[in-house]
Protein backbone atom coordinates (compact mmCIF):
# COMPACT_ATOMS: atom_id res chain seq x y z
CA UNK A 1 30.52 -20.56 35.83
CA UNK A 2 27.45 -20.45 36.74
CA UNK A 3 27.62 -23.11 39.23
CA UNK A 4 30.73 -22.05 41.03
CA UNK A 5 29.90 -21.43 44.74
CA UNK A 6 31.66 -19.04 46.98
CA UNK A 7 31.85 -21.96 49.53
CA UNK A 8 33.53 -23.92 47.03
CA UNK A 9 36.08 -20.73 46.79
CA UNK A 10 36.47 -20.66 50.43
CA UNK A 11 37.55 -23.91 50.58
CA UNK A 12 40.18 -23.45 48.05
CA UNK A 13 41.66 -20.34 49.99
CA UNK A 14 41.78 -22.06 52.99
CA UNK A 15 44.01 -25.62 51.17
CA UNK A 16 45.86 -23.03 49.71
CA UNK A 17 46.96 -21.53 53.15
CA UNK A 18 47.32 -24.46 55.28
CA UNK A 19 48.64 -26.68 52.76
CA UNK A 20 46.29 -29.89 53.19
CA UNK A 21 43.10 -30.36 53.21
CA UNK A 22 42.84 -31.74 56.60
CA UNK A 23 44.05 -28.56 58.07
CA UNK A 24 41.91 -26.66 55.89
CA UNK A 25 38.94 -29.01 57.31
CA UNK A 26 39.96 -28.13 60.79
CA UNK A 27 40.24 -24.10 59.63
CA UNK A 28 36.53 -24.74 58.28
CA UNK A 29 34.94 -26.93 60.87
CA UNK A 30 34.17 -29.52 58.24
CA UNK A 31 35.61 -32.87 57.51
CA UNK A 32 38.13 -33.52 55.24
CA UNK A 33 35.93 -35.63 52.94
CA UNK A 34 33.56 -32.05 52.84
CA UNK A 35 36.31 -30.14 51.37
CA UNK A 36 37.48 -32.82 49.31
CA UNK A 37 34.09 -32.87 47.75
CA UNK A 38 33.95 -28.52 47.48
CA UNK A 39 37.67 -28.92 45.74
CA UNK A 40 35.94 -31.44 43.09
CA UNK A 41 33.60 -29.18 42.28
CA UNK A 42 35.07 -26.43 41.64
CA UNK A 43 37.78 -28.68 39.54
CA UNK A 44 34.46 -29.63 37.56
CA UNK A 45 33.07 -26.03 37.05
CA UNK A 46 36.72 -24.41 36.10
CA UNK A 47 37.43 -27.97 33.80
CA UNK A 48 40.68 -28.66 35.85
CA UNK A 49 43.17 -29.75 38.57
CA UNK A 50 43.53 -26.48 41.15
CA UNK A 51 45.87 -28.54 43.23
CA UNK A 52 48.62 -31.02 42.46
CA UNK A 53 48.26 -33.63 45.56
CA UNK A 54 51.99 -35.30 46.32
CA UNK A 55 50.41 -37.39 48.88
CA UNK A 56 52.00 -38.52 51.90
CA UNK A 57 53.22 -35.75 54.15
CA UNK A 58 53.87 -33.04 51.48
CA UNK A 59 51.66 -30.06 51.25
CA UNK A 60 49.75 -29.97 48.18
CA UNK A 61 50.55 -27.21 45.46
CA UNK A 62 48.51 -24.74 43.76
CA UNK A 63 48.56 -26.10 39.65
CA UNK A 64 48.95 -22.73 36.84
CA UNK A 65 45.43 -22.92 36.56
CA UNK A 66 44.69 -23.10 40.67
CA UNK A 67 47.38 -19.74 40.95
CA UNK A 68 44.62 -17.87 37.98
CA UNK A 69 41.63 -19.30 40.06
CA UNK A 70 42.74 -18.50 43.54
CA UNK A 71 43.86 -14.78 42.15
CA UNK A 72 40.33 -14.18 41.76
CA UNK A 73 38.48 -16.38 44.33
CA UNK A 74 40.51 -13.75 47.10
CA UNK A 75 39.19 -11.15 45.47
CA UNK A 76 35.58 -12.51 45.22
CA UNK A 77 35.42 -13.39 48.96
CA UNK A 78 37.17 -9.99 49.97
CA UNK A 79 34.21 -8.50 47.87
CA UNK A 80 31.59 -10.88 49.88
CA UNK A 81 32.83 -9.97 53.39
CA UNK A 82 33.04 -6.24 52.35
CA UNK A 83 29.05 -6.65 51.45
CA UNK A 84 28.12 -8.72 54.15
CA UNK A 85 29.80 -6.62 56.74
CA UNK A 86 27.97 -3.00 54.59
CA UNK A 87 24.85 -4.76 54.96
CA UNK A 88 25.36 -5.73 58.43
CA UNK A 89 25.65 -2.05 59.22
CA UNK A 90 22.94 -0.75 56.88
CA UNK A 91 20.74 -3.39 59.26
CA UNK A 92 22.41 -2.07 62.29
CA UNK A 93 21.56 1.82 61.15
CA UNK A 94 24.62 3.14 59.84
CA UNK A 95 23.04 3.32 55.98
CA UNK A 96 22.31 6.74 54.53
CA UNK A 97 18.70 8.52 54.67
CA UNK A 98 18.26 11.84 52.54
CA UNK A 99 15.77 13.75 54.03
CA UNK A 100 13.94 16.92 52.16
CA UNK A 101 13.14 19.78 54.69
CA UNK A 102 11.77 23.28 54.94
CA UNK A 103 13.03 26.28 57.40
CA UNK A 104 11.20 26.14 60.56
CA UNK A 105 11.45 22.42 60.23
CA UNK A 106 15.19 22.76 59.66
CA UNK A 107 15.45 25.20 62.62
CA UNK A 108 13.54 23.04 65.28
CA UNK A 109 12.50 19.40 64.50
CA UNK A 110 15.67 18.39 62.65
CA UNK A 111 18.45 19.26 64.90
CA UNK A 112 17.43 16.58 67.78
CA UNK A 113 16.37 14.38 65.11
CA UNK A 114 20.05 15.03 63.21
CA UNK A 115 21.65 14.66 66.92
CA UNK A 116 19.89 11.11 68.18
CA UNK A 117 21.11 9.32 64.95
CA UNK A 118 24.59 10.64 64.85
CA UNK A 119 24.77 9.74 68.55
CA UNK A 120 23.23 6.34 68.36
CA UNK A 121 25.00 5.56 65.02
CA UNK A 122 28.08 7.19 64.13
CA UNK A 123 28.54 6.16 61.06
CA UNK A 124 25.43 7.15 59.23
CA UNK A 125 25.13 9.14 56.05
CA UNK A 126 22.66 11.77 56.88
CA UNK A 127 21.90 14.24 53.55
CA UNK A 128 19.26 16.83 53.98
CA UNK A 129 17.60 18.72 51.29
CA UNK A 130 16.01 22.32 52.26
CA UNK A 131 13.69 23.70 49.74
CA UNK A 132 10.45 26.09 49.55
CA UNK A 133 7.78 25.18 47.12
CA UNK A 134 4.16 24.97 46.93
CA UNK A 135 3.92 20.97 45.69
CA UNK A 136 6.50 18.25 47.39
CA UNK A 137 9.09 17.10 44.79
CA UNK A 138 10.20 13.62 46.56
CA UNK A 139 12.44 12.66 43.80
CA UNK A 140 15.01 10.01 45.53
CA UNK A 141 14.92 11.32 48.97
CA UNK A 142 13.58 8.87 51.78
CA UNK A 143 11.51 11.24 53.75
CA UNK A 144 10.35 14.77 53.45
CA UNK A 145 8.85 17.06 55.28
CA UNK A 146 5.88 18.90 53.94
CA UNK A 147 2.98 21.60 55.26
CA UNK A 148 0.92 19.46 53.74
CA UNK A 149 -0.32 15.77 52.70
CA UNK A 150 0.86 16.09 48.92
CA UNK A 151 -0.57 14.27 46.43
CA UNK A 152 -0.50 11.24 43.92
CA UNK A 153 1.55 8.33 44.92
CA UNK A 154 2.64 9.49 48.37
CA UNK A 155 2.21 8.31 51.81
CA UNK A 156 1.85 10.92 54.62
CA UNK A 157 2.37 10.66 58.82
CA UNK A 158 0.96 14.18 60.12
CA UNK A 159 3.16 15.35 62.83
CA UNK A 160 1.89 18.22 64.54
CA UNK A 161 -0.87 21.02 63.90
CA UNK A 162 1.35 24.64 63.71
CA UNK A 163 -0.69 27.58 65.20
CA UNK A 164 -0.70 30.77 63.28
CA UNK A 165 0.77 33.73 65.88
CA UNK A 166 0.97 37.41 65.03
CA UNK A 167 4.11 39.36 66.10
CA UNK A 168 4.48 42.49 66.19
CA UNK A 169 6.79 45.28 67.70
CA UNK A 170 5.95 46.30 71.20
CA UNK A 171 2.85 48.64 72.16
CA UNK A 172 1.88 48.28 68.03
CA UNK A 173 -1.39 46.29 69.65
CA UNK A 174 -2.35 46.46 73.32
CA UNK A 175 -1.26 42.97 75.40
CA UNK A 176 -3.00 40.00 74.95
CA UNK A 177 -5.04 38.59 71.97
CA UNK A 178 -5.71 40.29 68.79
CA UNK A 179 -9.16 39.88 66.62
CA UNK A 180 -7.99 39.09 63.44
CA UNK A 181 -10.19 41.80 61.90
CA UNK A 182 -7.91 44.23 63.57
CA UNK A 183 -5.34 43.56 60.78
CA UNK A 184 -7.89 44.81 58.04
CA UNK A 185 -5.41 47.15 56.35
CA UNK A 186 -2.76 46.71 58.72
CA UNK A 187 1.14 46.67 57.30
CA UNK A 188 2.02 43.20 57.07
CA UNK A 189 5.55 41.56 56.58
CA UNK A 190 4.90 38.21 54.82
CA UNK A 191 6.31 35.05 53.27
CA UNK A 192 5.78 34.76 49.57
CA UNK A 193 2.27 33.19 48.40
CA UNK A 194 3.42 29.60 48.01
CA UNK A 195 3.04 26.74 50.53
CA UNK A 196 0.25 27.52 53.67
CA UNK A 197 1.35 30.75 53.67
CA UNK A 198 -1.60 31.21 50.28
CA UNK A 199 -4.05 28.90 51.78
CA UNK A 200 -3.51 31.45 55.44
CA UNK A 201 -4.03 34.54 53.46
CA UNK A 202 -6.59 33.39 51.81
CA UNK A 203 -8.56 32.31 54.84
CA UNK A 204 -7.93 35.99 56.15
CA UNK A 205 -9.45 37.20 52.70
CA UNK A 206 -12.70 34.95 53.22
CA UNK A 207 -12.96 36.49 56.82
CA UNK A 208 -12.82 39.94 55.19
CA UNK A 209 -9.24 40.82 56.25
CA UNK A 210 -6.57 42.40 53.92
CA UNK A 211 -3.49 43.00 54.90
CA UNK A 212 -1.38 45.50 53.61
CA UNK A 213 1.81 42.99 52.55
CA UNK A 214 4.92 46.17 52.54
CA UNK A 215 7.26 43.21 52.18
CA UNK A 216 7.75 39.64 51.14
CA UNK A 217 10.43 37.50 51.93
CA UNK A 218 10.89 33.59 51.94
CA UNK A 219 13.91 34.19 55.11
CA UNK A 220 12.24 33.52 58.81
CA UNK A 221 15.03 35.80 60.01
CA UNK A 222 14.27 38.32 57.32
CA UNK A 223 10.56 38.69 58.19
CA UNK A 224 11.05 38.90 61.87
CA UNK A 225 14.07 41.68 61.35
CA UNK A 226 11.45 44.05 59.31
CA UNK A 227 9.02 43.49 61.85
CA UNK A 228 11.85 44.55 64.54
CA UNK A 229 12.54 47.66 62.20
CA UNK A 230 8.94 48.81 62.39
CA UNK A 231 8.04 47.75 58.46
CA UNK A 232 4.68 45.97 59.82
CA UNK A 233 3.78 42.66 62.01
CA UNK A 234 3.69 39.29 60.78
CA UNK A 235 1.47 35.82 61.29
CA UNK A 236 3.91 33.50 61.44
CA UNK A 237 3.44 29.74 62.88
CA UNK A 238 4.60 29.02 66.37
CA UNK A 239 7.87 26.84 64.67
CA UNK A 240 9.36 30.14 63.09
CA UNK A 241 8.30 32.24 66.44
CA UNK A 242 9.90 29.15 68.13
CA UNK A 243 13.17 28.94 66.13
CA UNK A 244 13.66 32.50 65.50
CA UNK A 245 13.54 32.61 69.72
CA UNK A 246 10.99 35.90 70.10
CA UNK A 247 9.97 35.52 73.28
CA UNK A 248 13.39 36.62 74.62
CA UNK A 249 13.55 39.62 71.75
CA UNK A 250 11.93 42.90 74.39
CA UNK A 251 11.33 44.65 70.95
CA UNK A 252 8.78 42.20 69.93
CA UNK A 253 5.44 40.85 71.58
CA UNK A 254 3.29 37.59 70.60
CA UNK A 255 0.01 37.69 70.28
CA UNK A 256 -2.82 35.22 70.15
CA UNK A 257 -5.73 35.73 67.11
CA UNK A 258 -8.83 35.18 68.52
CA UNK A 259 -10.75 33.56 66.56
CA UNK A 260 -7.95 31.48 65.46
CA UNK A 261 -6.74 30.86 61.96
CA UNK A 262 -6.49 26.87 61.19
CA UNK A 263 -3.21 25.82 61.82
CA UNK A 264 -0.56 24.90 59.85
CA UNK A 265 -0.14 21.05 59.59
CA UNK A 266 3.14 19.86 59.36
CA UNK A 267 3.67 15.90 57.87
CA UNK A 268 6.56 13.47 57.13
CA UNK A 269 5.79 11.80 53.37
CA UNK A 270 7.49 9.39 51.53
CA UNK A 271 6.82 7.45 48.37
CA UNK A 272 4.00 5.26 48.41
CA UNK A 273 5.32 1.32 48.95
CA UNK A 274 8.69 2.59 49.72
CA UNK A 275 10.60 0.30 51.95
CA UNK A 276 11.67 1.95 54.97
CA UNK A 277 15.75 1.58 55.56
CA UNK A 278 16.47 0.91 59.31
CA UNK A 279 17.99 4.94 59.31
CA UNK A 280 14.73 6.07 57.89
CA UNK A 281 12.43 4.18 60.30
CA UNK A 282 14.40 5.16 63.18
CA UNK A 283 14.33 8.85 61.92
CA UNK A 284 10.48 8.80 61.69
CA UNK A 285 10.17 7.41 65.12
CA UNK A 286 12.20 10.51 66.65
CA UNK A 287 10.30 12.53 64.72
CA UNK A 288 6.96 11.31 66.08
CA UNK A 289 8.37 11.91 69.64
CA UNK A 290 10.08 15.47 69.03
CA UNK A 291 6.89 16.69 67.61
CA UNK A 292 4.71 15.08 70.34
CA UNK A 293 7.36 17.12 72.93
CA UNK A 294 6.45 20.69 71.01
CA UNK A 295 2.74 20.22 70.54
CA UNK A 296 3.21 19.08 74.75
CA UNK A 297 4.97 22.19 75.32
CA UNK A 298 2.68 24.60 73.34
């Protein structure tokens, strides 16, 4: 059956539906001789006649072999149409995209990406996976947001610099910028020492600044809640502050650090050499636009 072609099966289905080679030719936009050639080619492949041809005005009839072949032909043609429709939807952006993320990106960057993708492609399938880890685990993900370039067989696109700011209960420090040296020995609420948090703490130590960590938690809201409760201050990336709506909280005060600490860098990662789907490509375009808006807004 290796020489069987879908066009042969389509011709057979048309002849069976129309009852004649001539009407099938009109339906398919072929000449009658072309339809006859396609049926002859099919009969050669299956090893027997699929139609009885009584001649004259009488309709052609399926042979017993033709009944068997047509049943499977219709199933194969339906599968081919389904595949064509699925490919067309995929090319139009209605496929699936799997994205890895972490808290502050989930709160600030991802919502406009998801909203835009769903507005543009209502049939798309977006899968999100949130994880806080020292090293990116791309596995089968199409894209991954990460606060680093990643190592190994990974390509990256830098989205933005995410500067660190000091969040404290109002009145803890005078208004205005705070020198990191003033945090030496001060009570501090912090994230676990993974990802960029560890690098930031090493930079403080290099400058001789060693805050007294009184509580560590992976939750951004938990960090801010403990600062509100008076446990200590926190050095946080600006995205965390933006997502927590700290500026609207009268109990908290934001301070720039001067001299500043090196900013956290936010990247999009994907497996090297991977061909992006149209949906993943669009997600990257929107992420770049959102990151640019965040950068310009400060």
